PDB file of all heavy atoms in Angstrom:
ATOM      1  N   GLU A   1      92.808 116.788 106.093  1.00  0.00           N
ATOM      2  CA  GLU A   1      94.007 116.007 105.773  1.00  0.00           C
ATOM      3  C   GLU A   1      94.952 115.910 106.969  1.00  0.00           C
ATOM      4  O   GLU A   1      95.507 114.855 107.257  1.00  0.00           O
ATOM      5  CB  GLU A   1      94.705 116.661 104.577  1.00  0.00           C
ATOM      6  CG  GLU A   1      96.119 116.161 104.289  1.00  0.00           C
ATOM      7  CD  GLU A   1      96.142 114.727 103.771  1.00  0.00           C
ATOM      8  OE1 GLU A   1      95.074 114.205 103.393  1.00  0.00           O
ATOM      9  OE2 GLU A   1      97.225 114.129 103.761  1.00  0.00           O
ATOM     10  N   ARG A   2      95.148 117.047 107.643  1.00  0.00           N
ATOM     11  CA  ARG A   2      96.012 117.031 108.841  1.00  0.00           C
ATOM     12  C   ARG A   2      95.450 116.147 109.940  1.00  0.00           C
ATOM     13  O   ARG A   2      96.179 115.426 110.615  1.00  0.00           O
ATOM     14  CB  ARG A   2      96.219 118.464 109.342  1.00  0.00           C
ATOM     15  CG  ARG A   2      97.183 119.278 108.504  1.00  0.00           C
ATOM     16  CD  ARG A   2      97.606 120.544 109.223  1.00  0.00           C
ATOM     17  NE  ARG A   2      96.493 121.476 109.328  1.00  0.00           N
ATOM     18  CZ  ARG A   2      96.225 122.444 108.418  1.00  0.00           C
ATOM     19  NH1 ARG A   2      96.981 122.541 107.341  1.00  0.00           N
ATOM     20  NH2 ARG A   2      95.201 123.254 108.589  1.00  0.00           N
ATOM     21  N   GLU A   3      94.116 116.216 110.111  1.00  0.00           N
ATOM     22  CA  GLU A   3      93.477 115.361 111.117  1.00  0.00           C
ATOM     23  C   GLU A   3      93.663 113.890 110.761  1.00  0.00           C
ATOM     24  O   GLU A   3      93.906 113.043 111.633  1.00  0.00           O
ATOM     25  CB  GLU A   3      91.972 115.703 111.177  1.00  0.00           C
ATOM     26  CG  GLU A   3      91.660 116.987 111.915  1.00  0.00           C
ATOM     27  CD  GLU A   3      91.831 116.843 113.410  1.00  0.00           C
ATOM     28  OE1 GLU A   3      91.065 116.101 114.026  1.00  0.00           O
ATOM     29  OE2 GLU A   3      92.776 117.482 113.949  1.00  0.00           O
ATOM     30  N   LEU A   4      93.545 113.559 109.473  1.00  0.00           N
ATOM     31  CA  LEU A   4      93.717 112.185 109.024  1.00  0.00           C
ATOM     32  C   LEU A   4      95.123 111.676 109.302  1.00  0.00           C
ATOM     33  O   LEU A   4      95.294 110.540 109.796  1.00  0.00           O
ATOM     34  CB  LEU A   4      93.405 112.082 107.534  1.00  0.00           C
ATOM     35  CG  LEU A   4      93.596 110.702 106.891  1.00  0.00           C
ATOM     36  CD1 LEU A   4      92.699 109.670 107.550  1.00  0.00           C
ATOM     37  CD2 LEU A   4      93.329 110.749 105.398  1.00  0.00           C
ATOM     38  N   VAL A   5      96.108 112.509 109.033  1.00  0.00           N
ATOM     39  CA  VAL A   5      97.510 112.110 109.308  1.00  0.00           C
ATOM     40  C   VAL A   5      97.711 111.901 110.798  1.00  0.00           C
ATOM     41  O   VAL A   5      98.357 110.915 111.214  1.00  0.00           O
ATOM     42  CB  VAL A   5      98.475 113.183 108.774  1.00  0.00           C
ATOM     43  CG1 VAL A   5      99.910 112.873 109.230  1.00  0.00           C
ATOM     44  CG2 VAL A   5      98.415 113.244 107.246  1.00  0.00           C
ATOM     45  N   ARG A   6      97.145 112.779 111.623  1.00  0.00           N
ATOM     46  CA  ARG A   6      97.325 112.681 113.077  1.00  0.00           C
ATOM     47  C   ARG A   6      96.689 111.400 113.637  1.00  0.00           C
ATOM     48  O   ARG A   6      97.311 110.660 114.394  1.00  0.00           O
ATOM     49  CB  ARG A   6      96.720 113.915 113.755  1.00  0.00           C
ATOM     50  CG  ARG A   6      96.898 113.924 115.279  1.00  0.00           C
ATOM     51  CD  ARG A   6      96.543 115.297 115.853  1.00  0.00           C
ATOM     52  NE  ARG A   6      95.125 115.546 115.748  1.00  0.00           N
ATOM     53  CZ  ARG A   6      94.238 115.158 116.685  1.00  0.00           C
ATOM     54  NH1 ARG A   6      94.643 114.472 117.751  1.00  0.00           N
ATOM     55  NH2 ARG A   6      92.962 115.433 116.554  1.00  0.00           N
ATOM     56  N   TYR A   7      95.436 111.125 113.216  1.00  0.00           N
ATOM     57  CA  TYR A   7      94.754 109.944 113.706  1.00  0.00           C
ATOM     58  C   TYR A   7      95.353 108.660 113.138  1.00  0.00           C
ATOM     59  O   TYR A   7      95.379 107.629 113.815  1.00  0.00           O
ATOM     60  CB  TYR A   7      93.257 110.019 113.383  1.00  0.00           C
ATOM     61  CG  TYR A   7      92.470 110.919 114.290  1.00  0.00           C
ATOM     62  CD1 TYR A   7      91.773 112.015 113.788  1.00  0.00           C
ATOM     63  CD2 TYR A   7      92.422 110.686 115.650  1.00  0.00           C
ATOM     64  CE1 TYR A   7      91.049 112.859 114.626  1.00  0.00           C
ATOM     65  CE2 TYR A   7      91.712 111.515 116.514  1.00  0.00           C
ATOM     66  CZ  TYR A   7      91.018 112.596 115.991  1.00  0.00           C
ATOM     67  OH  TYR A   7      90.308 113.419 116.845  1.00  0.00           O
ATOM     68  N   SER A   8      95.842 108.697 111.911  1.00  0.00           N
ATOM     69  CA  SER A   8      96.487 107.534 111.336  1.00  0.00           C
ATOM     70  C   SER A   8      97.760 107.179 112.085  1.00  0.00           C
ATOM     71  O   SER A   8      98.057 106.005 112.324  1.00  0.00           O
ATOM     72  CB  SER A   8      96.797 107.769 109.833  1.00  0.00           C
ATOM     73  OG  SER A   8      95.635 107.954 109.097  1.00  0.00           O
ATOM     74  N   THR A   9      98.524 108.207 112.465  1.00  0.00           N
ATOM     75  CA  THR A   9      99.746 107.982 113.236  1.00  0.00           C
ATOM     76  C   THR A   9      99.412 107.418 114.607  1.00  0.00           C
ATOM     77  O   THR A   9     100.064 106.474 115.094  1.00  0.00           O
ATOM     78  CB  THR A   9     100.520 109.295 113.398  1.00  0.00           C
ATOM     79  OG1 THR A   9     100.798 109.847 112.109  1.00  0.00           O
ATOM     80  CG2 THR A   9     101.827 109.067 114.152  1.00  0.00           C
ATOM     81  N   GLU A  10      98.373 107.975 115.245  1.00  0.00           N
ATOM     82  CA  GLU A  10      97.949 107.470 116.539  1.00  0.00           C
ATOM     83  C   GLU A  10      97.440 106.027 116.454  1.00  0.00           C
ATOM     84  O   GLU A  10      97.733 105.218 117.327  1.00  0.00           O
ATOM     85  CB  GLU A  10      96.859 108.388 117.100  1.00  0.00           C
ATOM     86  CG  GLU A  10      96.527 108.108 118.568  1.00  0.00           C
ATOM     87  CD  GLU A  10      95.530 109.095 119.133  1.00  0.00           C
ATOM     88  OE1 GLU A  10      95.214 110.094 118.443  1.00  0.00           O
ATOM     89  OE2 GLU A  10      95.044 108.854 120.255  1.00  0.00           O
ATOM     90  N   LEU A  11      96.721 105.729 115.369  1.00  0.00           N
ATOM     91  CA  LEU A  11      96.228 104.368 115.167  1.00  0.00           C
ATOM     92  C   LEU A  11      97.377 103.372 115.013  1.00  0.00           C
ATOM     93  O   LEU A  11      97.363 102.274 115.577  1.00  0.00           O
ATOM     94  CB  LEU A  11      95.326 104.309 113.934  1.00  0.00           C
ATOM     95  CG  LEU A  11      94.805 102.937 113.524  1.00  0.00           C
ATOM     96  CD1 LEU A  11      93.988 102.303 114.633  1.00  0.00           C
ATOM     97  CD2 LEU A  11      93.980 103.038 112.235  1.00  0.00           C
ATOM     98  N   SER A  12      98.425 103.776 114.280  1.00  0.00           N
ATOM     99  CA  SER A  12      99.585 102.924 114.111  1.00  0.00           C
ATOM    100  C   SER A  12     100.281 102.659 115.455  1.00  0.00           C
ATOM    101  O   SER A  12     100.729 101.541 115.723  1.00  0.00           O
ATOM    102  CB  SER A  12     100.576 103.585 113.129  1.00  0.00           C
ATOM    103  OG  SER A  12     101.752 102.826 112.996  1.00  0.00           O
ATOM    104  N   THR A  13     100.344 103.685 116.302  1.00  0.00           N
ATOM    105  CA  THR A  13     100.942 103.527 117.622  1.00  0.00           C
ATOM    106  C   THR A  13     100.178 102.539 118.479  1.00  0.00           C
ATOM    107  O   THR A  13     100.761 101.669 119.144  1.00  0.00           O
ATOM    108  CB  THR A  13     101.000 104.881 118.322  1.00  0.00           C
ATOM    109  OG1 THR A  13     101.773 105.799 117.557  1.00  0.00           O
ATOM    110  CG2 THR A  13     101.658 104.751 119.718  1.00  0.00           C
ATOM    111  N   TRP A  14      98.846 102.650 118.452  1.00  0.00           N
ATOM    112  CA  TRP A  14      98.022 101.730 119.262  1.00  0.00           C
ATOM    113  C   TRP A  14      98.100 100.303 118.741  1.00  0.00           C
ATOM    114  O   TRP A  14      98.061  99.347 119.521  1.00  0.00           O
ATOM    115  CB  TRP A  14      96.565 102.226 119.263  1.00  0.00           C
ATOM    116  CG  TRP A  14      96.332 103.295 120.283  1.00  0.00           C
ATOM    117  CD1 TRP A  14      96.279 104.638 120.078  1.00  0.00           C
ATOM    118  CD2 TRP A  14      96.155 103.107 121.694  1.00  0.00           C
ATOM    119  NE1 TRP A  14      96.069 105.302 121.274  1.00  0.00           N
ATOM    120  CE2 TRP A  14      95.989 104.392 122.280  1.00  0.00           C
ATOM    121  CE3 TRP A  14      96.117 101.977 122.516  1.00  0.00           C
ATOM    122  CZ2 TRP A  14      95.786 104.564 123.631  1.00  0.00           C
ATOM    123  CZ3 TRP A  14      95.919 102.156 123.879  1.00  0.00           C
ATOM    124  CH2 TRP A  14      95.750 103.445 124.426  1.00  0.00           C
ATOM    125  N   ARG A  15      98.181 100.153 117.416  1.00  0.00           N
ATOM    126  CA  ARG A  15      98.339  98.783 116.869  1.00  0.00           C
ATOM    127  C   ARG A  15      99.657  98.173 117.293  1.00  0.00           C
ATOM    128  O   ARG A  15      99.736  96.964 117.600  1.00  0.00           O
ATOM    129  CB  ARG A  15      98.228  98.841 115.362  1.00  0.00           C
ATOM    130  CG  ARG A  15      96.790  98.977 114.849  1.00  0.00           C
ATOM    131  CD  ARG A  15      96.735  99.184 113.361  1.00  0.00           C
ATOM    132  NE  ARG A  15      95.359  99.125 112.857  1.00  0.00           N
ATOM    133  CZ  ARG A  15      94.996  99.539 111.653  1.00  0.00           C
ATOM    134  NH1 ARG A  15      95.891 100.031 110.830  1.00  0.00           N
ATOM    135  NH2 ARG A  15      93.734  99.454 111.275  1.00  0.00           N
ATOM    136  N   GLN A  16     100.708  98.982 117.338  1.00  0.00           N
ATOM    137  CA  GLN A  16     102.014  98.475 117.794  1.00  0.00           C
ATOM    138  C   GLN A  16     101.949  98.061 119.255  1.00  0.00           C
ATOM    139  O   GLN A  16     102.523  97.048 119.656  1.00  0.00           O
ATOM    140  CB  GLN A  16     103.095  99.536 117.582  1.00  0.00           C
ATOM    141  CG  GLN A  16     103.454  99.779 116.148  1.00  0.00           C
ATOM    142  CD  GLN A  16     104.436 100.931 115.975  1.00  0.00           C
ATOM    143  OE1 GLN A  16     104.888 101.522 116.951  1.00  0.00           O
ATOM    144  NE2 GLN A  16     104.746 101.274 114.734  1.00  0.00           N
ATOM    145  N   ARG A  17     101.222  98.849 120.070  1.00  0.00           N
ATOM    146  CA  ARG A  17     101.058  98.511 121.497  1.00  0.00           C
ATOM    147  C   ARG A  17     100.316  97.176 121.640  1.00  0.00           C
ATOM    148  O   ARG A  17     100.680  96.341 122.470  1.00  0.00           O
ATOM    149  CB  ARG A  17     100.300  99.612 122.209  1.00  0.00           C
ATOM    150  CG  ARG A  17     101.095 100.887 122.401  1.00  0.00           C
ATOM    151  CD  ARG A  17     100.213 102.026 122.895  1.00  0.00           C
ATOM    152  NE  ARG A  17     100.961 103.249 123.149  1.00  0.00           N
ATOM    153  CZ  ARG A  17     100.410 104.434 123.391  1.00  0.00           C
ATOM    154  NH1 ARG A  17      99.085 104.529 123.410  1.00  0.00           N
ATOM    155  NH2 ARG A  17     101.166 105.496 123.611  1.00  0.00           N
ATOM    156  N   GLU A  18      99.260  96.996 120.836  1.00  0.00           N
ATOM    157  CA  GLU A  18      98.502  95.742 120.944  1.00  0.00           C
ATOM    158  C   GLU A  18      99.340  94.557 120.497  1.00  0.00           C
ATOM    159  O   GLU A  18      99.298  93.497 121.127  1.00  0.00           O
ATOM    160  CB  GLU A  18      97.240  95.875 120.055  1.00  0.00           C
ATOM    161  CG  GLU A  18      96.391  94.610 120.000  1.00  0.00           C
ATOM    162  CD  GLU A  18      95.753  94.205 121.309  1.00  0.00           C
ATOM    163  OE1 GLU A  18      95.935  94.921 122.330  1.00  0.00           O
ATOM    164  OE2 GLU A  18      95.077  93.166 121.331  1.00  0.00           O
ATOM    165  N   ASP A  19     100.132  94.743 119.425  1.00  0.00           N
ATOM    166  CA  ASP A  19     101.038  93.680 118.999  1.00  0.00           C
ATOM    167  C   ASP A  19     102.049  93.330 120.071  1.00  0.00           C
ATOM    168  O   ASP A  19     102.358  92.164 120.325  1.00  0.00           O
ATOM    169  CB  ASP A  19     101.763  94.083 117.714  1.00  0.00           C
ATOM    170  CG  ASP A  19     100.870  94.008 116.485  1.00  0.00           C
ATOM    171  OD1 ASP A  19      99.772  93.441 116.597  1.00  0.00           O
ATOM    172  OD2 ASP A  19     101.246  94.554 115.439  1.00  0.00           O
ATOM    173  N   MET A  20     102.559  94.361 120.739  1.00  0.00           N
ATOM    174  CA  MET A  20     103.526  94.164 121.810  1.00  0.00           C
ATOM    175  C   MET A  20     102.883  93.407 122.980  1.00  0.00           C
ATOM    176  O   MET A  20     103.492  92.497 123.568  1.00  0.00           O
ATOM    177  CB  MET A  20     104.065  95.515 122.283  1.00  0.00           C
ATOM    178  CG  MET A  20     105.337  95.457 123.106  1.00  0.00           C
ATOM    179  SD  MET A  20     105.927  97.111 123.536  1.00  0.00           S
ATOM    180  CE  MET A  20     106.221  97.814 121.917  1.00  0.00           C
ATOM    181  N   ARG A  21     101.651  93.782 123.309  1.00  0.00           N
ATOM    182  CA  ARG A  21     100.946  93.124 124.412  1.00  0.00           C
ATOM    183  C   ARG A  21     100.696  91.646 124.089  1.00  0.00           C
ATOM    184  O   ARG A  21     100.936  90.760 124.910  1.00  0.00           O
ATOM    185  CB  ARG A  21      99.608  93.828 124.657  1.00  0.00           C
ATOM    186  CG  ARG A  21      98.828  93.306 125.856  1.00  0.00           C
ATOM    187  CD  ARG A  21      97.508  94.036 125.993  1.00  0.00           C
ATOM    188  NE  ARG A  21      96.586  93.648 124.938  1.00  0.00           N
ATOM    189  CZ  ARG A  21      95.789  92.580 125.011  1.00  0.00           C
ATOM    190  NH1 ARG A  21      95.794  91.814 126.086  1.00  0.00           N
ATOM    191  NH2 ARG A  21      94.964  92.292 124.021  1.00  0.00           N
ATOM    192  N   LEU A  22     100.220  91.366 122.880  1.00  0.00           N
ATOM    193  CA  LEU A  22      99.943  89.978 122.470  1.00  0.00           C
ATOM    194  C   LEU A  22     101.223  89.155 122.391  1.00  0.00           C
ATOM    195  O   LEU A  22     101.247  87.994 122.776  1.00  0.00           O
ATOM    196  CB  LEU A  22      99.214  89.979 121.123  1.00  0.00           C
ATOM    197  CG  LEU A  22      97.780  90.521 121.143  1.00  0.00           C
ATOM    198  CD1 LEU A  22      97.243  90.618 119.702  1.00  0.00           C
ATOM    199  CD2 LEU A  22      96.873  89.652 121.977  1.00  0.00           C
ATOM    200  N   ALA A  23     102.291  89.780 121.855  1.00  0.00           N
ATOM    201  CA  ALA A  23     103.583  89.075 121.741  1.00  0.00           C
ATOM    202  C   ALA A  23     104.093  88.710 123.131  1.00  0.00           C
ATOM    203  O   ALA A  23     104.635  87.623 123.336  1.00  0.00           O
ATOM    204  CB  ALA A  23     104.587  89.936 120.990  1.00  0.00           C
ATOM    205  N   GLN A  24     103.928  89.616 124.119  1.00  0.00           N
ATOM    206  CA  GLN A  24     104.375  89.341 125.465  1.00  0.00           C
ATOM    207  C   GLN A  24     103.571  88.191 126.080  1.00  0.00           C
ATOM    208  O   GLN A  24     104.126  87.316 126.742  1.00  0.00           O
ATOM    209  CB  GLN A  24     104.252  90.598 126.322  1.00  0.00           C
ATOM    210  CG  GLN A  24     104.748  90.405 127.764  1.00  0.00           C
ATOM    211  CD  GLN A  24     104.642  91.691 128.554  1.00  0.00           C
ATOM    212  OE1 GLN A  24     104.426  92.765 128.020  1.00  0.00           O
ATOM    213  NE2 GLN A  24     104.790  91.590 129.860  1.00  0.00           N
ATOM    214  N   MET A  25     102.240  88.197 125.870  1.00  0.00           N
ATOM    215  CA  MET A  25     101.410  87.132 126.417  1.00  0.00           C
ATOM    216  C   MET A  25     101.725  85.796 125.780  1.00  0.00           C
ATOM    217  O   MET A  25     101.728  84.752 126.434  1.00  0.00           O
ATOM    218  CB  MET A  25      99.944  87.498 126.206  1.00  0.00           C
ATOM    219  CG  MET A  25      99.465  88.660 127.065  1.00  0.00           C
ATOM    220  SD  MET A  25      97.742  89.084 126.704  1.00  0.00           S
ATOM    221  CE  MET A  25      96.900  87.588 127.245  1.00  0.00           C
ATOM    222  N   ALA A  26     101.993  85.819 124.467  1.00  0.00           N
ATOM    223  CA  ALA A  26     102.278  84.590 123.753  1.00  0.00           C
ATOM    224  C   ALA A  26     103.740  84.160 123.889  1.00  0.00           C
ATOM    225  O   ALA A  26     104.105  83.076 123.471  1.00  0.00           O
ATOM    226  CB  ALA A  26     101.937  84.747 122.278  1.00  0.00           C
ATOM    227  N   LYS A  27     104.587  85.046 124.469  1.00  0.00           N
ATOM    228  CA  LYS A  27     106.008  84.788 124.642  1.00  0.00           C
ATOM    229  C   LYS A  27     106.680  84.496 123.279  1.00  0.00           C
ATOM    230  O   LYS A  27     107.448  83.542 123.153  1.00  0.00           O
ATOM    231  CB  LYS A  27     106.238  83.635 125.623  1.00  0.00           C
ATOM    232  CG  LYS A  27     105.774  83.966 127.033  1.00  0.00           C
ATOM    233  CD  LYS A  27     106.084  82.848 127.992  1.00  0.00           C
ATOM    234  CE  LYS A  27     105.612  83.225 129.401  1.00  0.00           C
ATOM    235  NZ  LYS A  27     105.851  82.147 130.388  1.00  0.00           N
ATOM    236  N   ILE A  28     106.358  85.332 122.305  1.00  0.00           N
ATOM    237  CA  ILE A  28     106.952  85.207 120.979  1.00  0.00           C
ATOM    238  C   ILE A  28     107.623  86.534 120.642  1.00  0.00           C
ATOM    239  O   ILE A  28     107.081  87.621 120.854  1.00  0.00           O
ATOM    240  CB  ILE A  28     105.839  84.901 119.926  1.00  0.00           C
ATOM    241  CG1 ILE A  28     105.290  83.491 120.200  1.00  0.00           C
ATOM    242  CG2 ILE A  28     106.374  84.992 118.514  1.00  0.00           C
ATOM    243  CD1 ILE A  28     104.140  83.126 119.308  1.00  0.00           C
ATOM    244  N   LYS A  29     108.810  86.450 120.063  1.00  0.00           N
ATOM    245  CA  LYS A  29     109.633  87.649 119.819  1.00  0.00           C
ATOM    246  C   LYS A  29     109.605  88.120 118.362  1.00  0.00           C
ATOM    247  O   LYS A  29     109.962  89.256 118.107  1.00  0.00           O
ATOM    248  CB  LYS A  29     111.081  87.387 120.247  1.00  0.00           C
ATOM    249  CG  LYS A  29     111.217  87.097 121.731  1.00  0.00           C
ATOM    250  CD  LYS A  29     112.650  86.858 122.120  1.00  0.00           C
ATOM    251  CE  LYS A  29     112.783  86.555 123.606  1.00  0.00           C
ATOM    252  NZ  LYS A  29     114.163  86.262 124.025  1.00  0.00           N
ATOM    253  N   TRP A  30     109.253  87.233 117.425  1.00  0.00           N
ATOM    254  CA  TRP A  30     109.284  87.662 116.029  1.00  0.00           C
ATOM    255  C   TRP A  30     107.955  88.317 115.640  1.00  0.00           C
ATOM    256  O   TRP A  30     106.939  88.151 116.286  1.00  0.00           O
ATOM    257  CB  TRP A  30     109.648  86.514 115.111  1.00  0.00           C
ATOM    258  CG  TRP A  30     108.649  85.411 115.051  1.00  0.00           C
ATOM    259  CD1 TRP A  30     107.511  85.347 114.293  1.00  0.00           C
ATOM    260  CD2 TRP A  30     108.683  84.193 115.802  1.00  0.00           C
ATOM    261  NE1 TRP A  30     106.860  84.191 114.498  1.00  0.00           N
ATOM    262  CE2 TRP A  30     107.544  83.440 115.424  1.00  0.00           C
ATOM    263  CE3 TRP A  30     109.575  83.652 116.718  1.00  0.00           C
ATOM    264  CZ2 TRP A  30     107.289  82.187 115.954  1.00  0.00           C
ATOM    265  CZ3 TRP A  30     109.303  82.415 117.239  1.00  0.00           C
ATOM    266  CH2 TRP A  30     108.175  81.701 116.866  1.00  0.00           C
ATOM    267  N   ARG A  31     107.961  89.032 114.528  1.00  0.00           N
ATOM    268  CA  ARG A  31     106.789  89.780 114.086  1.00  0.00           C
ATOM    269  C   ARG A  31     106.450  89.424 112.651  1.00  0.00           C
ATOM    270  O   ARG A  31     107.285  89.000 111.890  1.00  0.00           O
ATOM    271  CB  ARG A  31     107.045  91.299 114.180  1.00  0.00           C
ATOM    272  CG  ARG A  31     107.315  91.781 115.589  1.00  0.00           C
ATOM    273  CD  ARG A  31     107.794  93.203 115.573  1.00  0.00           C
ATOM    274  NE  ARG A  31     106.746  94.113 115.135  1.00  0.00           N
ATOM    275  CZ  ARG A  31     105.889  94.700 115.951  1.00  0.00           C
ATOM    276  NH1 ARG A  31     105.936  94.455 117.254  1.00  0.00           N
ATOM    277  NH2 ARG A  31     104.991  95.540 115.503  1.00  0.00           N
ATOM    278  N   MET A  32     105.179  89.594 112.302  1.00  0.00           N
ATOM    279  CA  MET A  32     104.706  89.402 110.954  1.00  0.00           C
ATOM    280  C   MET A  32     104.154  90.740 110.445  1.00  0.00           C
ATOM    281  O   MET A  32     104.123  91.733 111.178  1.00  0.00           O
ATOM    282  CB  MET A  32     103.642  88.307 110.895  1.00  0.00           C
ATOM    283  CG  MET A  32     104.154  86.978 111.397  1.00  0.00           C
ATOM    284  SD  MET A  32     102.882  85.690 111.475  1.00  0.00           S
ATOM    285  CE  MET A  32     102.704  85.340 109.731  1.00  0.00           C
ATOM    286  N   GLU A  33     103.701  90.774 109.197  1.00  0.00           N
ATOM    287  CA  GLU A  33     103.263  92.022 108.606  1.00  0.00           C
ATOM    288  C   GLU A  33     101.770  92.249 108.839  1.00  0.00           C
ATOM    289  O   GLU A  33     100.937  91.371 108.697  1.00  0.00           O
ATOM    290  CB  GLU A  33     103.527  91.996 107.086  1.00  0.00           C
ATOM    291  CG  GLU A  33     104.998  91.987 106.728  1.00  0.00           C
ATOM    292  CD  GLU A  33     105.720  93.221 107.215  1.00  0.00           C
ATOM    293  OE1 GLU A  33     105.101  94.305 107.223  1.00  0.00           O
ATOM    294  OE2 GLU A  33     106.908  93.104 107.607  1.00  0.00           O
ATOM    295  N   GLY A  34     101.430  93.499 109.220  1.00  0.00           N
ATOM    296  CA  GLY A  34     100.046  93.945 109.254  1.00  0.00           C
ATOM    297  C   GLY A  34      99.149  93.121 110.160  1.00  0.00           C
ATOM    298  O   GLY A  34      99.517  92.752 111.270  1.00  0.00           O
ATOM    299  N   ASP A  35      97.917  92.895 109.679  1.00  0.00           N
ATOM    300  CA  ASP A  35      96.921  92.206 110.483  1.00  0.00           C
ATOM    301  C   ASP A  35      97.309  90.776 110.817  1.00  0.00           C
ATOM    302  O   ASP A  35      96.832  90.208 111.809  1.00  0.00           O
ATOM    303  CB  ASP A  35      95.571  92.206 109.752  1.00  0.00           C
ATOM    304  CG  ASP A  35      94.996  93.596 109.622  1.00  0.00           C
ATOM    305  OD1 ASP A  35      95.402  94.451 110.398  1.00  0.00           O
ATOM    306  OD2 ASP A  35      94.169  93.805 108.711  1.00  0.00           O
ATOM    307  N   ARG A  36      98.175  90.151 110.007  1.00  0.00           N
ATOM    308  CA  ARG A  36      98.597  88.772 110.264  1.00  0.00           C
ATOM    309  C   ARG A  36      99.356  88.672 111.589  1.00  0.00           C
ATOM    310  O   ARG A  36      99.398  87.602 112.205  1.00  0.00           O
ATOM    311  CB  ARG A  36      99.491  88.266 109.133  1.00  0.00           C
ATOM    312  CG  ARG A  36      98.759  88.087 107.803  1.00  0.00           C
ATOM    313  CD  ARG A  36      99.709  87.570 106.745  1.00  0.00           C
ATOM    314  NE  ARG A  36     100.230  86.254 107.107  1.00  0.00           N
ATOM    315  CZ  ARG A  36     101.382  85.786 106.648  1.00  0.00           C
ATOM    316  NH1 ARG A  36     102.126  86.534 105.834  1.00  0.00           N
ATOM    317  NH2 ARG A  36     101.784  84.599 106.975  1.00  0.00           N
ATOM    318  N   ASN A  37      99.944  89.775 112.015  1.00  0.00           N
ATOM    319  CA  ASN A  37     100.717  89.771 113.275  1.00  0.00           C
ATOM    320  C   ASN A  37      99.796  89.447 114.452  1.00  0.00           C
ATOM    321  O   ASN A  37     100.033  88.531 115.202  1.00  0.00           O
ATOM    322  CB  ASN A  37     101.374  91.134 113.456  1.00  0.00           C
ATOM    323  CG  ASN A  37     102.586  91.048 114.358  1.00  0.00           C
ATOM    324  OD1 ASN A  37     103.278  90.052 114.387  1.00  0.00           O
ATOM    325  ND2 ASN A  37     102.805  92.082 115.117  1.00  0.00           N
ATOM    326  N   SER A  38      98.718  90.240 114.598  1.00  0.00           N
ATOM    327  CA  SER A  38      97.786  90.049 115.724  1.00  0.00           C
ATOM    328  C   SER A  38      97.091  88.692 115.630  1.00  0.00           C
ATOM    329  O   SER A  38      96.884  88.001 116.621  1.00  0.00           O
ATOM    330  CB  SER A  38      96.721  91.157 115.747  1.00  0.00           C
ATOM    331  OG  SER A  38      97.361  92.406 115.936  1.00  0.00           O
ATOM    332  N   LYS A  39      96.738  88.290 114.405  1.00  0.00           N
ATOM    333  CA  LYS A  39      96.083  86.996 114.202  1.00  0.00           C
ATOM    334  C   LYS A  39      97.007  85.858 114.630  1.00  0.00           C
ATOM    335  O   LYS A  39      96.588  84.906 115.288  1.00  0.00           O
ATOM    336  CB  LYS A  39      95.683  86.867 112.740  1.00  0.00           C
ATOM    337  CG  LYS A  39      94.859  85.623 112.425  1.00  0.00           C
ATOM    338  CD  LYS A  39      94.445  85.638 110.955  1.00  0.00           C
ATOM    339  CE  LYS A  39      93.574  84.440 110.643  1.00  0.00           C
ATOM    340  NZ  LYS A  39      93.177  84.424 109.219  1.00  0.00           N
ATOM    341  N   PHE A  40      98.271  85.985 114.279  1.00  0.00           N
ATOM    342  CA  PHE A  40      99.270  84.954 114.607  1.00  0.00           C
ATOM    343  C   PHE A  40      99.422  84.843 116.114  1.00  0.00           C
ATOM    344  O   PHE A  40      99.433  83.742 116.665  1.00  0.00           O
ATOM    345  CB  PHE A  40     100.597  85.338 113.946  1.00  0.00           C
ATOM    346  CG  PHE A  40     101.716  84.379 114.243  1.00  0.00           C
ATOM    347  CD1 PHE A  40     101.769  83.139 113.646  1.00  0.00           C
ATOM    348  CD2 PHE A  40     102.737  84.735 115.114  1.00  0.00           C
ATOM    349  CE1 PHE A  40     102.801  82.265 113.891  1.00  0.00           C
ATOM    350  CE2 PHE A  40     103.767  83.860 115.383  1.00  0.00           C
ATOM    351  CZ  PHE A  40     103.804  82.615 114.760  1.00  0.00           C
ATOM    352  N   PHE A  41      99.524  85.982 116.826  1.00  0.00           N
ATOM    353  CA  PHE A  41      99.677  85.956 118.263  1.00  0.00           C
ATOM    354  C   PHE A  41      98.427  85.365 118.937  1.00  0.00           C
ATOM    355  O   PHE A  41      98.545  84.630 119.921  1.00  0.00           O
ATOM    356  CB  PHE A  41      99.921  87.366 118.797  1.00  0.00           C
ATOM    357  CG  PHE A  41     101.295  87.897 118.444  1.00  0.00           C
ATOM    358  CD1 PHE A  41     101.469  89.223 118.124  1.00  0.00           C
ATOM    359  CD2 PHE A  41     102.395  87.073 118.435  1.00  0.00           C
ATOM    360  CE1 PHE A  41     102.729  89.716 117.797  1.00  0.00           C
ATOM    361  CE2 PHE A  41     103.650  87.546 118.112  1.00  0.00           C
ATOM    362  CZ  PHE A  41     103.820  88.874 117.800  1.00  0.00           C
ATOM    363  N   ASN A  42      97.253  85.700 118.431  1.00  0.00           N
ATOM    364  CA  ASN A  42      96.027  85.157 119.013  1.00  0.00           C
ATOM    365  C   ASN A  42      95.961  83.648 118.892  1.00  0.00           C
ATOM    366  O   ASN A  42      95.481  82.967 119.783  1.00  0.00           O
ATOM    367  CB  ASN A  42      94.799  85.794 118.354  1.00  0.00           C
ATOM    368  CG  ASN A  42      94.433  87.134 118.964  1.00  0.00           C
ATOM    369  OD1 ASN A  42      94.278  87.235 120.181  1.00  0.00           O
ATOM    370  ND2 ASN A  42      94.293  88.176 118.166  1.00  0.00           N
ATOM    371  N   VAL A  43      96.410  83.134 117.762  1.00  0.00           N
ATOM    372  CA  VAL A  43      96.446  81.679 117.573  1.00  0.00           C
ATOM    373  C   VAL A  43      97.377  81.043 118.575  1.00  0.00           C
ATOM    374  O   VAL A  43      97.060  80.023 119.194  1.00  0.00           O
ATOM    375  CB  VAL A  43      96.874  81.328 116.123  1.00  0.00           C
ATOM    376  CG1 VAL A  43      97.145  79.832 116.000  1.00  0.00           C
ATOM    377  CG2 VAL A  43      95.795  81.722 115.132  1.00  0.00           C
TER     378      VAL A  43
END
C-alpha cells in the first residue's frame, strides 16, 4: 500500500511535467481535466 501511494504520487508528478511540456510547446496556458489535457495539447 505504501509503495502504491509513493508510485502514484510520482506518476502524478510526471504527468504534470508532461502537461507542462506540451502546454509550453503548444503555447497554451489553460488546462483541462485528466487525459483530455494531454490529448488537447497534442491536437
